[in-house]
C-alpha atoms as a PDB file:
ATOM      1  CA  MET A   1      -0.047   0.027  -0.016  1.00  0.00           C
ATOM      2  CA  SER A   2       2.899   2.421   0.745  1.00  0.00           C
ATOM      3  CA  ASP A   3       3.867   2.230  -3.027  1.00  0.00           C
ATOM      4  CA  THR A   4       0.283   3.087  -3.974  1.00  0.00           C
ATOM      5  CA  PHE A   5       0.310   5.883  -1.359  1.00  0.00           C
ATOM      6  CA  ASP A   6       3.687   7.374  -2.711  1.00  0.00           C
ATOM      7  CA  ALA A   7       2.697   7.121  -6.289  1.00  0.00           C
ATOM      8  CA  THR A   8      -0.653   8.767  -5.689  1.00  0.00           C
ATOM      9  CA  VAL A   9       0.832  11.723  -3.699  1.00  0.00           C
ATOM     10  CA  GLY A  10       3.496  12.041  -6.517  1.00  0.00           C
ATOM     11  CA  ARG A  11       1.044  12.093  -9.217  1.00  0.00           C
ATOM     12  CA  ARG A  12      -1.164  14.689  -7.476  1.00  0.00           C
ATOM     13  CA  LEU A  13       2.074  16.845  -6.635  1.00  0.00           C
ATOM     14  CA  ARG A  14       3.234  16.872 -10.265  1.00  0.00           C
ATOM     15  CA  TRP A  15      -0.397  17.549 -11.700  1.00  0.00           C
ATOM     16  CA  ARG A  16      -0.775  20.591  -9.369  1.00  0.00           C
ATOM     17  CA  ARG A  17       2.622  21.889  -9.972  1.00  0.00           C
ATOM     18  CA  LYS A  18       2.209  21.806 -13.745  1.00  0.00           C
ATOM     19  CA  ALA A  19      -1.262  23.212 -13.417  1.00  0.00           C
ATOM     20  CA  LEU A  20       0.186  26.198 -11.869  1.00  0.00           C
ATOM     21  CA  GLY A  21       2.885  26.388 -14.451  1.00  0.00           C
ATOM     22  CA  LEU A  22       5.734  25.952 -11.976  1.00  0.00           C
ATOM     23  CA  SER A  23       9.035  24.067 -12.390  1.00  0.00           C
ATOM     24  CA  LEU A  24      10.668  21.769  -9.864  1.00  0.00           C
ATOM     25  CA  LYS A  25      13.124  24.647  -9.239  1.00  0.00           C
ATOM     26  CA  ASP A  26      10.228  27.044  -8.487  1.00  0.00           C
ATOM     27  CA  ILE A  27       8.770  25.049  -5.626  1.00  0.00           C
ATOM     28  CA  SER A  28      11.841  23.457  -4.111  1.00  0.00           C
ATOM     29  CA  PRO A  29      12.857  26.694  -2.035  1.00  0.00           C
ATOM     30  CA  ALA A  30       9.409  26.588  -0.525  1.00  0.00           C
ATOM     31  CA  CYS A  31       9.933  23.314   1.122  1.00  0.00           C
ATOM     32  CA  GLY A  32      13.622  23.515   1.699  1.00  0.00           C
ATOM     33  CA  VAL A  33      14.759  20.594  -0.483  1.00  0.00           C
ATOM     34  CA  ARG A  34      16.552  20.373  -3.871  1.00  0.00           C
ATOM     35  CA  PHE A  35      14.568  20.008  -7.004  1.00  0.00           C
ATOM     36  CA  GLN A  36      15.904  16.596  -7.420  1.00  0.00           C
ATOM     37  CA  GLN A  37      14.116  15.489  -4.245  1.00  0.00           C
ATOM     38  CA  ILE A  38      10.957  16.913  -5.578  1.00  0.00           C
ATOM     39  CA  ALA A  39      11.360  14.936  -8.707  1.00  0.00           C
ATOM     40  CA  LYS A  40      11.666  11.775  -6.504  1.00  0.00           C
ATOM     41  CA  TYR A  41       8.528  12.642  -4.721  1.00  0.00           C
ATOM     42  CA  GLU A  42       6.742  13.025  -7.917  1.00  0.00           C
ATOM     43  CA  ALA A  43       8.000   9.723  -9.244  1.00  0.00           C
ATOM     44  CA  GLY A  44       6.893   7.973  -6.072  1.00  0.00           C
ATOM     45  CA  SER A  45      10.389   6.745  -5.393  1.00  0.00           C
ATOM     46  CA  ALA A  46      10.783   8.690  -2.136  1.00  0.00           C
ATOM     47  CA  GLN A  47       8.383   9.089   0.717  1.00  0.00           C
ATOM     48  CA  VAL A  48       7.360  12.647   1.602  1.00  0.00           C
ATOM     49  CA  SER A  49       7.480  13.512   5.313  1.00  0.00           C
ATOM     50  CA  ALA A  50       4.399  15.240   6.834  1.00  0.00           C
ATOM     51  CA  ALA A  51       6.362  18.525   7.270  1.00  0.00           C
ATOM     52  CA  ILE A  52       7.460  18.694   3.606  1.00  0.00           C
ATOM     53  CA  LEU A  53       3.954  17.621   2.535  1.00  0.00           C
ATOM     54  CA  TRP A  54       2.547  20.596   4.470  1.00  0.00           C
ATOM     55  CA  LYS A  55       5.043  22.947   2.918  1.00  0.00           C
ATOM     56  CA  LEU A  56       4.156  21.642  -0.566  1.00  0.00           C
ATOM     57  CA  ALA A  57       0.493  22.090  -0.068  1.00  0.00           C
ATOM     58  CA  THR A  58       1.218  25.634   0.982  1.00  0.00           C
ATOM     59  CA  ALA A  59       3.334  26.419  -1.904  1.00  0.00           C
ATOM     60  CA  LEU A  60       0.796  24.902  -4.209  1.00  0.00           C
ATOM     61  CA  GLU A  61      -2.043  26.510  -2.540  1.00  0.00           C
ATOM     62  CA  VAL A  62      -4.103  23.425  -1.764  1.00  0.00           C
ATOM     63  CA  ASP A  63      -5.472  21.735   1.419  1.00  0.00           C
ATOM     64  CA  ILE A  64      -3.118  19.022   2.467  1.00  0.00           C
ATOM     65  CA  GLY A  65      -6.005  16.624   1.972  1.00  0.00           C
ATOM     66  CA  PHE A  66      -5.643  17.181  -1.806  1.00  0.00           C
ATOM     67  CA  PHE A  67      -2.623  14.740  -1.959  1.00  0.00           C
ATOM     68  CA  PHE A  68      -4.748  12.038  -0.376  1.00  0.00           C
ATOM     69  CA  GLU A  69      -7.784  12.217  -2.629  1.00  0.00           C
ATOM     70  CA  GLY A  70      -8.374   8.848  -4.371  1.00  0.00           C
ATOM     71  CA  LEU A  71      -6.928   6.838  -1.750  1.00  0.00           C
ATOM     72  CA  SER A  72      -8.970   4.286   0.154  1.00  0.00           C
ATOM     73  CA  PRO A  73      -8.416   3.115   3.626  1.00  0.00           C
ATOM     74  CA  SER A  74      -8.417  -0.461   2.491  1.00  0.00           C
ATOM     75  CA  GLY A  75      -5.274  -2.698   2.908  1.00  0.00           C
ATOM     76  CA  SER A  76      -3.706  -4.699   5.499  1.00  0.00           C
ATOM     77  CA  ALA A  77      -3.314  -3.656   9.092  1.00  0.00           C
ATOM     78  CA  GLU A  78       0.412  -3.486   8.477  1.00  0.00           C
ATOM     79  CA  ASP A  79       0.138  -1.282   5.518  1.00  0.00           C
ATOM     80  CA  ARG A  80      -2.247   1.132   7.386  1.00  0.00           C
ATOM     81  CA  ALA A  81       0.296   1.167  10.411  1.00  0.00           C
ATOM     82  CA  ARG A  82       3.062   2.222   8.015  1.00  0.00           C
ATOM     83  CA  LEU A  83       0.978   5.194   6.764  1.00  0.00           C
END
């Protein structure tokens, strides 16, 4: 489930960034990470911490819940515990 979670967050992050016409370099200063790390978040190959996700939501002018849309609470208890 964590792979699904990371991929979903990454897709939504990329979609919103592009919808606003921003580059990776445009939003990286807002959350204090390099643009390469943002690319990893978007690809779903790196997990986003809660603090960084909050900063990204602020920079992209969305509620933090935006990143969780489309996810269901299903999955094993172990998967839910990791989230």
